[in-house]
C-alpha atoms as a PDB file:
ATOM      1  CA  MET A   1      20.840  -1.065  23.697  1.00  0.00           C
ATOM      2  CA  VAL A   2      17.646  -1.184  21.630  1.00  0.00           C
ATOM      3  CA  GLU A   3      17.645   1.229  18.652  1.00  0.00           C
ATOM      4  CA  PRO A   4      14.970   3.939  18.912  1.00  0.00           C
ATOM      5  CA  ALA A   5      13.101   2.829  15.773  1.00  0.00           C
ATOM      6  CA  THR A   6      13.112  -0.878  16.826  1.00  0.00           C
ATOM      7  CA  ALA A   7      11.908   0.089  20.307  1.00  0.00           C
ATOM      8  CA  ALA A   8       8.560   0.880  18.710  1.00  0.00           C
ATOM      9  CA  LEU A   9       8.077  -2.885  18.457  1.00  0.00           C
ATOM     10  CA  SER A  10       8.073  -3.316  22.208  1.00  0.00           C
ATOM     11  CA  ARG A  11       4.561  -1.897  22.666  1.00  0.00           C
ATOM     12  CA  CYS A  12       3.336  -1.998  19.128  1.00  0.00           C
ATOM     13  CA  SER A  13       1.031   0.865  18.221  1.00  0.00           C
ATOM     14  CA  LEU A  14       2.261   1.211  14.576  1.00  0.00           C
ATOM     15  CA  CYS A  15      -1.206   1.097  13.178  1.00  0.00           C
ATOM     16  CA  PRO A  16      -4.510   2.378  14.567  1.00  0.00           C
ATOM     17  CA  ARG A  17      -5.380  -0.988  16.161  1.00  0.00           C
ATOM     18  CA  ARG A  18      -2.701  -0.216  18.821  1.00  0.00           C
ATOM     19  CA  CYS A  19      -2.466  -3.771  20.012  1.00  0.00           C
ATOM     20  CA  MET A  20       0.510  -2.957  22.311  1.00  0.00           C
ATOM     21  CA  ALA A  21       2.073  -6.353  21.745  1.00  0.00           C
ATOM     22  CA  ASP A  22       5.702  -6.751  22.727  1.00  0.00           C
ATOM     23  CA  ARG A  23       6.979  -8.060  19.432  1.00  0.00           C
ATOM     24  CA  LEU A  24      10.562  -8.073  20.714  1.00  0.00           C
ATOM     25  CA  ARG A  25       9.569 -10.821  23.173  1.00  0.00           C
ATOM     26  CA  GLY A  26       7.660 -12.901  20.748  1.00  0.00           C
ATOM     27  CA  GLU A  27       4.119 -11.484  21.253  1.00  0.00           C
ATOM     28  CA  THR A  28       1.966 -10.770  18.181  1.00  0.00           C
ATOM     29  CA  GLY A  29      -1.045  -8.547  17.795  1.00  0.00           C
ATOM     30  CA  PHE A  30      -3.888  -8.582  15.208  1.00  0.00           C
ATOM     31  CA  CYS A  31      -1.620  -8.761  12.132  1.00  0.00           C
ATOM     32  CA  GLY A  32       0.530 -11.507  13.477  1.00  0.00           C
ATOM     33  CA  ALA A  33       3.841  -9.841  12.624  1.00  0.00           C
ATOM     34  CA  GLY A  34       6.905 -10.550  14.755  1.00  0.00           C
ATOM     35  CA  ALA A  35      10.116  -8.566  15.287  1.00  0.00           C
ATOM     36  CA  ALA A  36      11.704  -9.377  11.939  1.00  0.00           C
ATOM     37  CA  ALA A  37      10.299  -8.294   8.552  1.00  0.00           C
ATOM     38  CA  THR A  38       8.554 -11.140   6.787  1.00  0.00           C
ATOM     39  CA  VAL A  39       8.854 -10.915   3.035  1.00  0.00           C
ATOM     40  CA  ALA A  40       7.316 -13.144   0.335  1.00  0.00           C
ATOM     41  CA  LEU A  41       8.542 -11.861  -2.921  1.00  0.00           C
ATOM     42  CA  ALA A  42      10.844  -9.221  -4.572  1.00  0.00           C
ATOM     43  CA  SER A  43      10.255  -8.646  -8.216  1.00  0.00           C
ATOM     44  CA  LEU A  44      10.044  -6.228 -11.209  1.00  0.00           C
ATOM     45  CA  HIS A  45       6.382  -5.458 -11.482  1.00  0.00           C
ATOM     46  CA  HIS A  46       4.723  -3.972 -14.543  1.00  0.00           C
ATOM     47  CA  GLY A  47       1.196  -3.712 -13.346  1.00  0.00           C
ATOM     48  CA  GLU A  48       1.280  -0.447 -11.473  1.00  0.00           C
ATOM     49  CA  GLU A  49       0.301   3.015 -12.762  1.00  0.00           C
ATOM     50  CA  PRO A  50       2.424   4.072 -15.771  1.00  0.00           C
ATOM     51  CA  CYS A  51       4.364   6.651 -13.792  1.00  0.00           C
ATOM     52  CA  ILE A  52       5.362   3.887 -11.266  1.00  0.00           C
ATOM     53  CA  SER A  53       5.992   0.905 -13.595  1.00  0.00           C
ATOM     54  CA  GLY A  54       7.566   2.789 -16.502  1.00  0.00           C
ATOM     55  CA  SER A  55       9.318   0.647 -19.105  1.00  0.00           C
ATOM     56  CA  ARG A  56      11.543  -1.472 -16.798  1.00  0.00           C
ATOM     57  CA  GLY A  57       9.141  -2.127 -13.904  1.00  0.00           C
ATOM     58  CA  SER A  58       8.681  -1.201 -10.314  1.00  0.00           C
ATOM     59  CA  GLY A  59      10.915  -2.928  -7.826  1.00  0.00           C
ATOM     60  CA  THR A  60       8.186  -4.429  -5.558  1.00  0.00           C
ATOM     61  CA  VAL A  61       8.989  -5.997  -2.219  1.00  0.00           C
ATOM     62  CA  PHE A  62       5.908  -7.800  -0.797  1.00  0.00           C
ATOM     63  CA  PHE A  63       5.689  -7.889   2.943  1.00  0.00           C
ATOM     64  CA  SER A  64       3.539 -10.559   4.762  1.00  0.00           C
ATOM     65  CA  ARG A  65       0.931  -9.958   7.430  1.00  0.00           C
ATOM     66  CA  CYS A  66      -1.624  -7.116   7.341  1.00  0.00           C
ATOM     67  CA  ASN A  67      -3.626  -4.946   9.738  1.00  0.00           C
ATOM     68  CA  LEU A  68      -6.771  -5.453   7.643  1.00  0.00           C
ATOM     69  CA  ARG A  69      -8.729  -8.645   6.861  1.00  0.00           C
ATOM     70  CA  CYS A  70     -10.111  -7.926   3.465  1.00  0.00           C
ATOM     71  CA  VAL A  71     -12.448 -10.687   2.512  1.00  0.00           C
ATOM     72  CA  TYR A  72     -11.650 -10.205  -1.187  1.00  0.00           C
ATOM     73  CA  CYS A  73      -7.865  -9.898  -0.845  1.00  0.00           C
ATOM     74  CA  GLN A  74      -5.977 -11.203  -3.879  1.00  0.00           C
ATOM     75  CA  ASN A  75      -2.801 -11.479  -1.724  1.00  0.00           C
ATOM     76  CA  HIS A  76      -4.473 -13.530   1.096  1.00  0.00           C
ATOM     77  CA  GLU A  77      -1.669 -16.019   1.013  1.00  0.00           C
ATOM     78  CA  ILE A  78       0.618 -13.427   2.594  1.00  0.00           C
ATOM     79  CA  SER A  79      -1.826 -10.952   4.229  1.00  0.00           C
ATOM     80  CA  TRP A  80      -3.904 -13.543   6.033  1.00  0.00           C
ATOM     81  CA  GLU A  81      -1.636 -16.607   6.141  1.00  0.00           C
ATOM     82  CA  GLY A  82       1.777 -14.988   6.483  1.00  0.00           C
ATOM     83  CA  THR A  83       3.641 -16.880   3.775  1.00  0.00           C
ATOM     84  CA  GLY A  84       7.209 -15.624   3.569  1.00  0.00           C
ATOM     85  CA  ILE A  85      10.604 -15.575   5.260  1.00  0.00           C
ATOM     86  CA  ASP A  86      12.002 -13.393   8.067  1.00  0.00           C
ATOM     87  CA  LEU A  87      14.787 -11.019   7.063  1.00  0.00           C
ATOM     88  CA  THR A  88      17.165  -9.048   9.254  1.00  0.00           C
ATOM     89  CA  VAL A  89      17.719  -5.372   8.631  1.00  0.00           C
ATOM     90  CA  ASP A  90      20.960  -6.114   6.825  1.00  0.00           C
ATOM     91  CA  GLU A  91      19.223  -8.750   4.626  1.00  0.00           C
ATOM     92  CA  LEU A  92      16.315  -6.403   3.902  1.00  0.00           C
ATOM     93  CA  ALA A  93      18.698  -3.568   2.910  1.00  0.00           C
ATOM     94  CA  GLU A  94      20.330  -5.994   0.471  1.00  0.00           C
ATOM     95  CA  VAL A  95      17.045  -6.927  -1.108  1.00  0.00           C
ATOM     96  CA  PHE A  96      16.337  -3.148  -1.569  1.00  0.00           C
ATOM     97  CA  LEU A  97      19.645  -2.599  -3.322  1.00  0.00           C
ATOM     98  CA  GLN A  98      19.119  -5.670  -5.496  1.00  0.00           C
ATOM     99  CA  ARG A  99      15.887  -3.980  -6.882  1.00  0.00           C
ATOM    100  CA  GLN A 100      17.975  -1.092  -7.996  1.00  0.00           C
ATOM    101  CA  THR A 101      20.615  -3.327  -9.540  1.00  0.00           C
ATOM    102  CA  ALA A 102      17.895  -5.141 -11.399  1.00  0.00           C
ATOM    103  CA  GLY A 103      17.039  -1.924 -13.128  1.00  0.00           C
ATOM    104  CA  ALA A 104      13.777  -1.038 -11.251  1.00  0.00           C
ATOM    105  CA  HIS A 105      12.596   2.578 -11.623  1.00  0.00           C
ATOM    106  CA  ASN A 106      11.744   2.683  -7.910  1.00  0.00           C
ATOM    107  CA  LEU A 107      11.673   0.584  -4.758  1.00  0.00           C
ATOM    108  CA  ASN A 108       8.020  -0.327  -4.097  1.00  0.00           C
ATOM    109  CA  LEU A 109       7.265  -1.412  -0.595  1.00  0.00           C
ATOM    110  CA  VAL A 110       3.956  -3.301  -0.641  1.00  0.00           C
ATOM    111  CA  SER A 111       1.901  -3.681   2.579  1.00  0.00           C
ATOM    112  CA  PRO A 112       4.816  -2.404   4.783  1.00  0.00           C
ATOM    113  CA  THR A 113       2.838  -1.054   7.798  1.00  0.00           C
ATOM    114  CA  PRO A 114       3.662  -3.743  10.411  1.00  0.00           C
ATOM    115  CA  TYR A 115       7.371  -3.297   9.772  1.00  0.00           C
ATOM    116  CA  ILE A 116       7.830   0.457   9.667  1.00  0.00           C
ATOM    117  CA  PRO A 117      10.810   0.513  12.158  1.00  0.00           C
ATOM    118  CA  VAL A 118      12.636  -2.326  10.525  1.00  0.00           C
ATOM    119  CA  ILE A 119      12.073  -0.824   7.059  1.00  0.00           C
ATOM    120  CA  ALA A 120      13.226   2.588   8.221  1.00  0.00           C
ATOM    121  CA  ASP A 121      16.489   1.133   9.532  1.00  0.00           C
ATOM    122  CA  ALA A 122      16.995  -0.893   6.304  1.00  0.00           C
ATOM    123  CA  LEU A 123      16.320   2.120   4.153  1.00  0.00           C
ATOM    124  CA  ARG A 124      18.881   4.187   6.015  1.00  0.00           C
ATOM    125  CA  GLN A 125      21.458   1.468   5.512  1.00  0.00           C
ATOM    126  CA  ALA A 126      20.518   0.964   1.844  1.00  0.00           C
ATOM    127  CA  LYS A 127      20.783   4.677   1.215  1.00  0.00           C
ATOM    128  CA  ASN A 128      24.117   4.814   2.869  1.00  0.00           C
ATOM    129  CA  ARG A 129      25.195   2.009   0.517  1.00  0.00           C
ATOM    130  CA  GLY A 130      24.056   3.746  -2.610  1.00  0.00           C
ATOM    131  CA  LEU A 131      20.251   3.373  -2.992  1.00  0.00           C
ATOM    132  CA  LYS A 132      19.153   6.257  -5.158  1.00  0.00           C
ATOM    133  CA  ILE A 133      15.885   5.269  -6.821  1.00  0.00           C
ATOM    134  CA  PRO A 134      12.670   6.672  -5.428  1.00  0.00           C
ATOM    135  CA  VAL A 135      11.148   4.795  -2.486  1.00  0.00           C
ATOM    136  CA  VAL A 136       7.348   4.038  -2.824  1.00  0.00           C
ATOM    137  CA  TYR A 137       5.245   3.257   0.236  1.00  0.00           C
ATOM    138  CA  ASN A 138       2.321   1.139  -1.073  1.00  0.00           C
ATOM    139  CA  THR A 139      -0.318   0.818   1.687  1.00  0.00           C
ATOM    140  CA  ASN A 140      -3.962   0.198   2.557  1.00  0.00           C
ATOM    141  CA  ALA A 141      -3.949   3.633   4.193  1.00  0.00           C
ATOM    142  CA  TYR A 142      -4.876   2.306   7.654  1.00  0.00           C
ATOM    143  CA  GLU A 143      -1.912   4.004   9.265  1.00  0.00           C
ATOM    144  CA  ASN A 144      -1.003   5.967  12.443  1.00  0.00           C
ATOM    145  CA  VAL A 145       0.427   9.403  11.749  1.00  0.00           C
ATOM    146  CA  ALA A 146       3.045   9.002  14.484  1.00  0.00           C
ATOM    147  CA  ALA A 147       4.355   5.837  12.792  1.00  0.00           C
ATOM    148  CA  LEU A 148       4.445   7.519   9.419  1.00  0.00           C
ATOM    149  CA  ARG A 149       6.618  10.223  10.836  1.00  0.00           C
ATOM    150  CA  LEU A 150       9.328   7.548  11.421  1.00  0.00           C
ATOM    151  CA  LEU A 151       9.544   7.431   7.614  1.00  0.00           C
ATOM    152  CA  GLU A 152       9.923  11.144   6.999  1.00  0.00           C
ATOM    153  CA  GLY A 153      12.816  11.826   4.715  1.00  0.00           C
ATOM    154  CA  LEU A 154      13.024   8.154   3.722  1.00  0.00           C
ATOM    155  CA  VAL A 155       9.973   7.719   1.509  1.00  0.00           C
ATOM    156  CA  ASP A 156       9.559   9.660  -1.681  1.00  0.00           C
ATOM    157  CA  ILE A 157       6.196   8.488  -3.039  1.00  0.00           C
ATOM    158  CA  TYR A 158       3.195   7.589  -0.937  1.00  0.00           C
ATOM    159  CA  LEU A 159       0.695   5.204  -2.706  1.00  0.00           C
ATOM    160  CA  PRO A 160      -2.273   4.654  -0.300  1.00  0.00           C
ATOM    161  CA  ASP A 161      -5.383   2.794  -1.368  1.00  0.00           C
ATOM    162  CA  LEU A 162      -8.182   4.871   0.245  1.00  0.00           C
ATOM    163  CA  LYS A 163     -10.607   2.003   0.529  1.00  0.00           C
ATOM    164  CA  TYR A 164     -13.804   3.034   2.336  1.00  0.00           C
ATOM    165  CA  ALA A 165     -15.802   6.082   3.347  1.00  0.00           C
ATOM    166  CA  THR A 166     -18.361   4.232   5.436  1.00  0.00           C
ATOM    167  CA  GLU A 167     -17.994   2.356   8.698  1.00  0.00           C
ATOM    168  CA  GLU A 168     -20.358  -0.346   7.528  1.00  0.00           C
ATOM    169  CA  ALA A 169     -18.312  -1.347   4.424  1.00  0.00           C
ATOM    170  CA  ALA A 170     -14.943  -1.158   6.305  1.00  0.00           C
ATOM    171  CA  SER A 171     -16.304  -3.361   9.005  1.00  0.00           C
ATOM    172  CA  ARG A 172     -18.106  -5.879   6.784  1.00  0.00           C
ATOM    173  CA  TYR A 173     -15.350  -6.290   4.139  1.00  0.00           C
ATOM    174  CA  SER A 174     -12.110  -5.616   6.044  1.00  0.00           C
ATOM    175  CA  GLY A 175     -12.886  -6.254   9.749  1.00  0.00           C
ATOM    176  CA  VAL A 176     -11.884  -2.740  10.842  1.00  0.00           C
ATOM    177  CA  LYS A 177     -13.427   0.164  12.725  1.00  0.00           C
ATOM    178  CA  ASN A 178     -12.660   3.865  12.319  1.00  0.00           C
ATOM    179  CA  TYR A 179     -11.085   3.207   8.981  1.00  0.00           C
ATOM    180  CA  PHE A 180     -11.839   6.406   7.205  1.00  0.00           C
ATOM    181  CA  GLU A 181     -10.915   8.605  10.146  1.00  0.00           C
ATOM    182  CA  ALA A 182      -7.598   7.070  10.506  1.00  0.00           C
ATOM    183  CA  ALA A 183      -6.871   6.772   6.770  1.00  0.00           C
ATOM    184  CA  ALA A 184      -7.905  10.336   6.053  1.00  0.00           C
ATOM    185  CA  ALA A 185      -5.496  11.594   8.741  1.00  0.00           C
ATOM    186  CA  ALA A 186      -2.749   9.347   7.303  1.00  0.00           C
ATOM    187  CA  VAL A 187      -3.193  10.614   3.715  1.00  0.00           C
ATOM    188  CA  LEU A 188      -2.967  14.223   4.940  1.00  0.00           C
ATOM    189  CA  GLU A 189       0.320  13.334   6.702  1.00  0.00           C
ATOM    190  CA  MET A 190       1.599  11.619   3.581  1.00  0.00           C
ATOM    191  CA  HIS A 191       0.846  14.776   1.573  1.00  0.00           C
ATOM    192  CA  ARG A 192       2.576  16.950   4.241  1.00  0.00           C
ATOM    193  CA  GLN A 193       5.686  14.882   3.850  1.00  0.00           C
ATOM    194  CA  ALA A 194       5.801  14.322   0.055  1.00  0.00           C
ATOM    195  CA  GLY A 195       3.508  17.018  -1.455  1.00  0.00           C
ATOM    196  CA  THR A 196       1.787  16.748  -4.858  1.00  0.00           C
ATOM    197  CA  LEU A 197       3.114  14.171  -7.294  1.00  0.00           C
ATOM    198  CA  THR A 198       6.080  15.315  -9.447  1.00  0.00           C
ATOM    199  CA  PHE A 199       7.672  13.579 -12.423  1.00  0.00           C
ATOM    200  CA  ASP A 200      10.971  13.411 -14.306  1.00  0.00           C
ATOM    201  CA  ARG A 201      11.357  14.248 -18.011  1.00  0.00           C
ATOM    202  CA  ASP A 202      10.358  10.655 -18.887  1.00  0.00           C
ATOM    203  CA  GLY A 203       7.016  10.912 -16.970  1.00  0.00           C
ATOM    204  CA  LEU A 204       8.161   8.768 -14.001  1.00  0.00           C
ATOM    205  CA  ALA A 205       7.042   9.699 -10.566  1.00  0.00           C
ATOM    206  CA  GLN A 206       9.841  11.153  -8.444  1.00  0.00           C
ATOM    207  CA  ARG A 207       8.075  12.402  -5.296  1.00  0.00           C
ATOM    208  CA  GLY A 208       4.643  13.024  -3.976  1.00  0.00           C
ATOM    209  CA  LEU A 209       1.272  11.460  -3.142  1.00  0.00           C
ATOM    210  CA  LEU A 210      -0.693   9.214  -5.495  1.00  0.00           C
ATOM    211  CA  ILE A 211      -4.070   8.172  -4.062  1.00  0.00           C
ATOM    212  CA  ARG A 212      -5.664   4.921  -5.176  1.00  0.00           C
ATOM    213  CA  HIS A 213      -9.255   3.821  -4.816  1.00  0.00           C
ATOM    214  CA  LEU A 214     -10.372   0.273  -5.687  1.00  0.00           C
ATOM    215  CA  VAL A 215     -13.998   0.528  -6.795  1.00  0.00           C
ATOM    216  CA  LEU A 216     -16.089  -2.267  -5.269  1.00  0.00           C
ATOM    217  CA  PRO A 217     -19.385  -3.510  -6.726  1.00  0.00           C
ATOM    218  CA  GLY A 218     -22.315  -1.529  -5.326  1.00  0.00           C
ATOM    219  CA  GLN A 219     -20.083   1.028  -3.622  1.00  0.00           C
ATOM    220  CA  TYR A 220     -20.718   4.019  -5.874  1.00  0.00           C
ATOM    221  CA  ASP A 221     -21.701   6.352  -3.020  1.00  0.00           C
ATOM    222  CA  SER A 222     -18.647   5.494  -0.985  1.00  0.00           C
ATOM    223  CA  ALA A 223     -16.346   6.100  -4.027  1.00  0.00           C
ATOM    224  CA  CYS A 224     -17.955   9.459  -4.633  1.00  0.00           C
ATOM    225  CA  ARG A 225     -17.512  10.433  -0.955  1.00  0.00           C
ATOM    226  CA  ILE A 226     -13.858   9.579  -1.126  1.00  0.00           C
ATOM    227  CA  LEU A 227     -13.347  11.633  -4.284  1.00  0.00           C
ATOM    228  CA  GLN A 228     -15.207  14.607  -2.742  1.00  0.00           C
ATOM    229  CA  TRP A 229     -13.063  14.299   0.405  1.00  0.00           C
ATOM    230  CA  VAL A 230      -9.837  14.404  -1.736  1.00  0.00           C
ATOM    231  CA  ARG A 231     -11.096  17.524  -3.588  1.00  0.00           C
ATOM    232  CA  SER A 232     -12.107  19.245  -0.261  1.00  0.00           C
ATOM    233  CA  ASN A 233      -8.937  18.460   1.636  1.00  0.00           C
ATOM    234  CA  LEU A 234      -6.082  18.335  -0.945  1.00  0.00           C
ATOM    235  CA  PRO A 235      -5.053  20.337  -3.883  1.00  0.00           C
ATOM    236  CA  ALA A 236      -7.172  19.959  -7.063  1.00  0.00           C
ATOM    237  CA  GLY A 237      -4.010  18.652  -8.822  1.00  0.00           C
ATOM    238  CA  THR A 238      -3.762  15.688  -6.516  1.00  0.00           C
ATOM    239  CA  TYR A 239      -3.393  12.497  -8.527  1.00  0.00           C
ATOM    240  CA  VAL A 240      -6.014   9.748  -7.947  1.00  0.00           C
ATOM    241  CA  SER A 241      -5.905   6.313  -9.578  1.00  0.00           C
ATOM    242  CA  ILE A 242      -9.441   4.885  -9.882  1.00  0.00           C
ATOM    243  CA  MET A 243      -8.992   1.134 -10.130  1.00  0.00           C
ATOM    244  CA  GLY A 244     -11.491  -1.113 -11.770  1.00  0.00           C
ATOM    245  CA  GLN A 245      -9.564  -4.378 -11.287  1.00  0.00           C
ATOM    246  CA  TYR A 246     -11.680  -5.822  -8.572  1.00  0.00           C
ATOM    247  CA  VAL A 247     -12.030  -9.662  -8.811  1.00  0.00           C
ATOM    248  CA  PRO A 248     -14.154 -11.588  -6.239  1.00  0.00           C
ATOM    249  CA  LEU A 249     -11.440 -13.711  -4.771  1.00  0.00           C
ATOM    250  CA  TRP A 250     -10.676 -15.400  -1.465  1.00  0.00           C
ATOM    251  CA  GLN A 251     -13.925 -15.174   0.626  1.00  0.00           C
ATOM    252  CA  ALA A 252     -15.866 -12.836  -1.483  1.00  0.00           C
ATOM    253  CA  ARG A 253     -18.227 -15.642  -2.435  1.00  0.00           C
ATOM    254  CA  ARG A 254     -19.671 -15.355   1.097  1.00  0.00           C
ATOM    255  CA  TYR A 255     -20.895 -11.852   0.358  1.00  0.00           C
ATOM    256  CA  PRO A 256     -23.285 -12.011  -2.525  1.00  0.00           C
ATOM    257  CA  GLU A 257     -23.338  -8.251  -3.211  1.00  0.00           C
ATOM    258  CA  ILE A 258     -19.596  -8.235  -3.994  1.00  0.00           C
ATOM    259  CA  ASN A 259     -19.272 -11.694  -5.514  1.00  0.00           C
ATOM    260  CA  ARG A 260     -19.036 -10.285  -9.038  1.00  0.00           C
ATOM    261  CA  ARG A 261     -16.881  -8.007 -11.122  1.00  0.00           C
ATOM    262  CA  LEU A 262     -17.719  -4.309 -11.732  1.00  0.00           C
ATOM    263  CA  THR A 263     -19.984  -3.490 -14.575  1.00  0.00           C
ATOM    264  CA  PRO A 264     -18.803  -0.942 -17.151  1.00  0.00           C
ATOM    265  CA  ALA A 265     -21.629   1.329 -16.081  1.00  0.00           C
ATOM    266  CA  GLU A 266     -20.555   1.256 -12.374  1.00  0.00           C
ATOM    267  CA  TYR A 267     -16.987   2.135 -13.231  1.00  0.00           C
ATOM    268  CA  GLU A 268     -17.940   4.853 -15.797  1.00  0.00           C
ATOM    269  CA  ALA A 269     -20.205   6.442 -13.143  1.00  0.00           C
ATOM    270  CA  VAL A 270     -17.276   6.779 -10.697  1.00  0.00           C
ATOM    271  CA  LEU A 271     -15.073   8.234 -13.462  1.00  0.00           C
ATOM    272  CA  ASP A 272     -17.814  10.729 -14.315  1.00  0.00           C
ATOM    273  CA  TYR A 273     -17.957  11.789 -10.670  1.00  0.00           C
ATOM    274  CA  PHE A 274     -14.186  12.366 -10.731  1.00  0.00           C
ATOM    275  CA  ASP A 275     -14.725  15.115 -13.262  1.00  0.00           C
ATOM    276  CA  LYS A 276     -17.748  16.487 -11.444  1.00  0.00           C
ATOM    277  CA  ALA A 277     -15.836  16.826  -8.228  1.00  0.00           C
ATOM    278  CA  GLY A 278     -13.347  19.151  -9.957  1.00  0.00           C
ATOM    279  CA  LEU A 279     -10.318  16.727  -9.719  1.00  0.00           C
ATOM    280  CA  ARG A 280      -7.805  17.232 -12.550  1.00  0.00           C
ATOM    281  CA  ASN A 281      -5.190  14.498 -12.454  1.00  0.00           C
ATOM    282  CA  GLY A 282      -5.637  10.718 -12.357  1.00  0.00           C
ATOM    283  CA  TYR A 283      -5.474   7.317 -13.842  1.00  0.00           C
ATOM    284  CA  MET A 284      -8.088   4.825 -14.893  1.00  0.00           C
ATOM    285  CA  GLN A 285      -7.945   1.198 -15.863  1.00  0.00           C
ATOM    286  CA  ASP A 286      -9.299  -0.936 -18.709  1.00  0.00           C
ATOM    287  CA  LEU A 287     -11.765  -3.384 -17.031  1.00  0.00           C
ATOM    288  CA  SER A 288      -9.807  -6.127 -18.734  1.00  0.00           C
ATOM    289  CA  ALA A 289      -7.383  -5.768 -15.859  1.00  0.00           C
ATOM    290  CA  ALA A 290     -10.016  -7.484 -13.629  1.00  0.00           C
ATOM    291  CA  THR A 291      -8.474 -10.874 -13.912  1.00  0.00           C
ATOM    292  CA  GLU A 292      -6.644 -13.429 -11.626  1.00  0.00           C
ATOM    293  CA  GLU A 293      -3.719 -13.352 -14.040  1.00  0.00           C
ATOM    294  CA  TYR A 294      -2.217 -10.381 -12.281  1.00  0.00           C
ATOM    295  CA  VAL A 295      -2.139 -12.057  -8.881  1.00  0.00           C
ATOM    296  CA  PRO A 296       1.570 -12.482  -7.985  1.00  0.00           C
ATOM    297  CA  ARG A 297       3.110 -15.865  -7.162  1.00  0.00           C
ATOM    298  CA  PHE A 298       4.638 -15.644  -3.725  1.00  0.00           C
ATOM    299  CA  ASP A 299       7.441 -18.022  -4.233  1.00  0.00           C
ATOM    300  CA  LEU A 300      10.246 -16.172  -2.416  1.00  0.00           C
ATOM    301  CA  SER A 301      11.734 -15.029  -5.697  1.00  0.00           C
ATOM    302  CA  GLY A 302      14.235 -12.176  -5.474  1.00  0.00           C
ATOM    303  CA  LEU A 303      15.188 -12.886  -1.855  1.00  0.00           C
ATOM    304  CA  SER A 304      18.887 -13.576  -1.695  1.00  0.00           C
ATOM    305  CA  GLY A 305      19.814 -17.175  -0.801  1.00  0.00           C
ATOM    306  CA  HIS A 306      16.268 -18.438  -1.100  1.00  0.00           C
END
């Protein structure tokens, strides 16, 4: 008998593309994911927001395949090309538990969308075996509300990167239609499940929503529209991380308007709008973070037996 969660893979509509591929029979949709979870790296990561990384690091698990095709993706080796190994539910649960054993402040699931049912089963198993650290769902925000509901009660912290406010930019840079409509609905569902971000006495995130926005060159208007949407649709205390780490990697050289780093003036203008919009809580970056040095090496580290 097929488990209810895994049955979602038989006609895959986990993301808004709704490819309807029968992944249990070897079919693949846009993202190329199969029935097993493909993982490329499990590590202690220190480059997240301070409330996520803390002093010991975030327990990142990088999943391969992606439902977007961002031309500037720093993780294109896994998102476009699918580098990684397939893990069973039991093996994935063990990787989750190993992140806790390694001392991670949380379990950080990076680009998990194609594998929601498998992850849900692995999380249940890991929690039954003693997983206690907060679970972070780290996503590009192009999600289906119905699929997110499979994670209710399993995820503590939602970490969506709300990328685009315009159809033009979403289509040109990530090959996707209806991005903002789908992502906005997904973020509202994440807030319904987890609420506003809360912290422990050491300032580490324990539960809630933390929205990211990666500022792209020349996309000031889009960034401001996203911040205004957050202010209009979520509590003023919602945490927003405005990232300035953009580096023109992968195929960005084909798009002259984004084939450069942000200028300090561009980034400061978005930070100024954050204040004007009436938002109260957030994170910013030093533009020195815009370097290739922070790109992970997807060498299968942290995956038991590999």
